[in-house]
Amino acid sequence: MEIFYTIIWDARPEIFTIFGREIRWYGLFFATGFFLAYMIMAKVFQRERYSVELLDKLTLYLFIGLIVGLRLGHTMFYHPGYYLSHPLEILMIWKGGLASHGGAMGLLLAGYLYVRKYKMPFPWIMARVAMVVPLTGGFVRFGNLMNSEIIGKPTDVPWAFIFTSVDQMPRHPSQIYEALSYWALFAFMVFYYRRGLTKGKINDYKMFGMYLSILFTIRLVIEFLKDIQVGFEQSMLLNMGQLLSIPFILAGLYLYFVTSRRQGEGREIPPAE
């Protein structure tokens, strides 16, 4: 394999240790993404005349749903045999092991429970959440980069990374591909939302459908450049991440092309005060 240039990646996952506890880049990036998403959502709620108190309650629901979904997704999709035999270890989230598809399911369930409790429109909630999720997702992928995990397949591209904590093979920096793709989707979703504000109407189903279909298509495509996560994927034509992405893509296309017709041009947005 001819190598033109490689980046030696030997970053440590820990930033520092305090009182015997490690503070990690992954946690910092996760918290940063979540905080920025909250700040943007606060602007959205205020612009559309919903109280910040409602957002605070939504944030709690979504945070719990996200964490539970991320953990259960990892344990049930990738290592079900082990965790069903060691159920208490499912609670040991500090040992690592989170799956984004489970997180997506957790967000959906949390959003559903929230709208039932507070009588908010579910499509409205999911469309606005969809706008900021890619922002947070991009930060999380940079956390994965700092952990030298979710690495790419061997390659000879000039920008290949050698993850020294894994092996000495130049590999695709798939975490960076995914992070930048998510941030591009975030920019597009913000553009779609702002255009809707200008027009005075936003089709919530179409907005949420676009998010689902585009984000999980990104995930499906980039998975071809990732190394396998678990051994049983070795003989699979599509890996677990790709198989789990397909239902989300189909659901997004259905929302965009079928369900969105019920809303016509979309829900009216009150003019700015």
Foldseek 3Di string as FASTA:
>chain_A
DDADAEAEDAFAQFPDADPNRTDGQLVVLLVVLLVVLLVVVCVVCVQQVHDVVLVVVLSVLLVVLQVLQQLCCQCVLPPVPVCVVVVVCSPVCVVDTTDVLRSVVSNLVSLVVSCVVVVDDSLVVLLSSLLRVLSSLLSNLVSCSSVVPQWFDADRPNYFYQHVVVHRGGADSLSNQLSVQSVVVSVVSVVLVVVCLVVQFDQSLQSNLVSQQSNLVSQQVSQVGTDADDDVQPPPPGGSSNVSSVVSNVSSVCSNPPVSVVQPRHDGGDHGD
